[in-house]
Every structure is written in C-alpha cells, then in structure tokens.
Protein backbone atom coordinates (compact mmCIF):
# COMPACT_ATOMS: atom_id res chain seq x y z
CA GLY A 1 154.69 120.76 76.63
CA THR A 2 156.24 118.76 74.10
CA ASN A 3 158.79 117.57 76.44
CA VAL A 4 156.23 116.49 78.81
CA VAL A 5 154.54 114.48 76.13
CA GLY A 6 157.68 112.99 75.42
CA TRP A 7 158.53 111.95 79.00
CA LEU A 8 155.15 110.51 79.64
CA GLY A 9 155.17 108.62 76.47
CA THR A 10 158.82 107.24 77.65
CA ILE A 11 157.16 106.27 80.92
CA GLY A 12 154.20 104.72 79.28
CA GLY A 13 156.18 102.66 76.77
CA LEU A 14 158.66 101.34 79.49
CA ALA A 15 155.78 100.29 81.53
CA LEU A 16 153.94 98.50 78.46
CA LEU A 17 157.28 96.75 77.92
CA LEU A 18 157.09 95.35 81.27
CA THR A 19 153.22 94.35 80.80
CA TYR A 20 153.88 92.66 77.67
CA LEU A 21 156.95 90.79 79.11
CA SER A 22 155.05 89.83 82.24
CA THR A 23 151.86 88.56 79.96
CA GLN A 24 154.31 86.26 77.94
CA ILE A 25 155.68 84.88 81.02
CA ALA A 26 152.15 84.38 82.24
CA ALA A 27 151.17 82.83 79.00
CA ILE A 28 153.80 80.15 78.99
CA ARG A 29 152.96 79.12 82.83
CA LEU A 30 149.22 78.84 81.90
CA PHE A 31 149.28 77.03 78.71
CA SER A 32 152.23 74.77 80.07
CA SER A 33 150.20 73.89 83.12
CA ASN A 34 147.02 72.98 81.35
CA GLY A 35 148.74 71.08 78.66
CA ARG A 36 147.32 73.11 75.83
CA TRP A 37 150.95 73.87 74.27
CA HIS A 38 153.58 71.56 73.58
CA GLY A 39 157.27 71.74 72.08
CA TRP A 40 157.48 74.20 69.45
CA GLN A 41 154.34 76.29 70.45
CA PHE A 42 156.68 78.11 72.96
CA ALA A 43 158.76 79.45 70.51
CA ILE A 44 156.64 82.46 69.63
CA PRO A 45 156.49 83.56 73.32
CA ILE A 46 160.00 82.65 74.14
CA LEU A 47 160.83 84.89 70.96
CA ALA A 48 158.60 87.83 72.29
CA ILE A 49 160.44 87.69 75.69
CA LEU A 50 163.78 88.08 74.00
CA LEU A 51 162.57 90.83 72.04
CA LEU A 52 160.93 92.59 74.63
CA GLY A 53 163.90 92.20 76.83
CA TYR A 54 166.01 93.56 74.18
CA ALA A 55 163.81 96.61 73.90
CA LEU A 56 163.72 97.11 77.55
CA TRP A 57 167.48 96.72 77.91
CA SER A 58 168.16 99.08 75.06
CA ASN A 59 166.13 101.62 76.78
CA VAL A 60 168.09 101.63 79.98
CA VAL A 61 171.65 100.76 78.77
CA PRO A 62 173.71 102.95 78.35
CA VAL A 63 172.20 105.18 81.01
CA PRO A 64 170.26 107.75 79.18
CA PRO A 65 170.47 111.59 79.89
CA ALA A 66 168.59 113.16 82.72
CA PRO A 67 165.48 113.10 83.26
CA TYR A 68 165.15 109.91 81.29
CA ASN A 69 167.39 108.06 83.45
CA LEU A 70 164.78 108.37 86.25
CA PHE A 71 161.96 106.92 84.27
CA PRO A 72 162.88 103.26 84.93
CA TYR A 73 162.94 103.91 88.71
CA MET A 74 159.55 105.65 88.29
CA VAL A 75 157.92 102.85 86.40
CA LEU A 76 159.73 100.28 89.08
CA LEU A 77 158.11 102.55 91.88
CA TRP A 78 154.63 102.57 90.25
CA LEU A 79 154.79 98.72 89.94
CA ALA A 80 155.75 98.23 93.49
CA ILE A 81 153.06 100.16 94.71
CA GLY A 82 150.46 98.43 92.64
CA VAL A 83 151.94 95.05 93.96
CA VAL A 84 151.87 96.30 97.62
CA VAL A 85 148.33 97.51 97.06
CA ALA A 86 147.18 94.26 95.62
CA PHE A 87 148.71 92.12 98.36
CA ARG A 88 147.40 94.29 101.08
CA SER A 89 143.78 94.59 99.77
CA PRO A 90 143.01 91.50 97.62
CA ASP A 91 139.22 92.15 97.74
CA ALA A 92 139.98 95.69 95.88
CA ALA A 93 141.45 94.14 92.97
CA ALA A 94 138.08 91.70 92.81
CA ARG A 95 136.04 94.96 93.07
CA LEU A 96 137.82 96.86 90.47
CA SER A 97 137.39 93.66 88.11
CA GLN A 98 134.06 93.38 88.63
CA SER A 99 133.33 97.12 88.16
CA LEU A 100 135.20 96.95 84.78
CA ILE A 101 132.89 93.84 83.73
CA ASP A 102 129.73 95.65 84.93
CA GLU A 103 130.73 98.83 82.92
CA ASN A 104 131.63 97.00 79.85
CA THR A 105 128.52 94.96 79.84
CA GLY A 106 126.00 97.72 80.42
C-alpha cells in the first residue's frame, strides 16, 4: 500500500508540475496581450518557469529506477488523451465547465 501511495503521489506531482508550468506560460501570454504587464512584471513568472522546469527536469534526469521511469510517460499519455478529447469534443469542455460553475454556486 505504501508503494502505491508513493507512485500515485509521484504521478500527481509530475502532472502538477506540468500544470503549473503551463499556467505560468498562459499568464505571460494573457497579460502581455492585454497590456496589463510591462517590463519587470514578467520576472516572477519567468523565474517560476525556470524553477518548475528544473524541478521537472530533476525528476526525469537521470532516469529513475523502475517503475518510476514509466511515470513521466504515463503523465504525457494522460495529457495527450485530454488534448484529443478536448479537440474532438469542444462542447464537452464547455458542459463540464458549466456543471462545475453550477455545482459551486449552488
């Protein structure tokens, strides 16, 4: 049982690192396109990208022993499935978003 918890925690941690990394990239794109950030204000998300990139890199290099060496591929497969589902059924994402809004607002 302890091993399974560690495995799932590792998979979840890798997925969160990718999520945080993509959030920082999206924030830079959003705030630069609408003109809310200028100059030095990009320093914090860029620093976050560098730190998250280092954390992600240090989890995959050097290649960890089995079964940990499979976890990055599992996370990438999970991400790829999500991207395919999102592009093949864009209304599903809107329905899910609306159901979460409805659930949280009561």
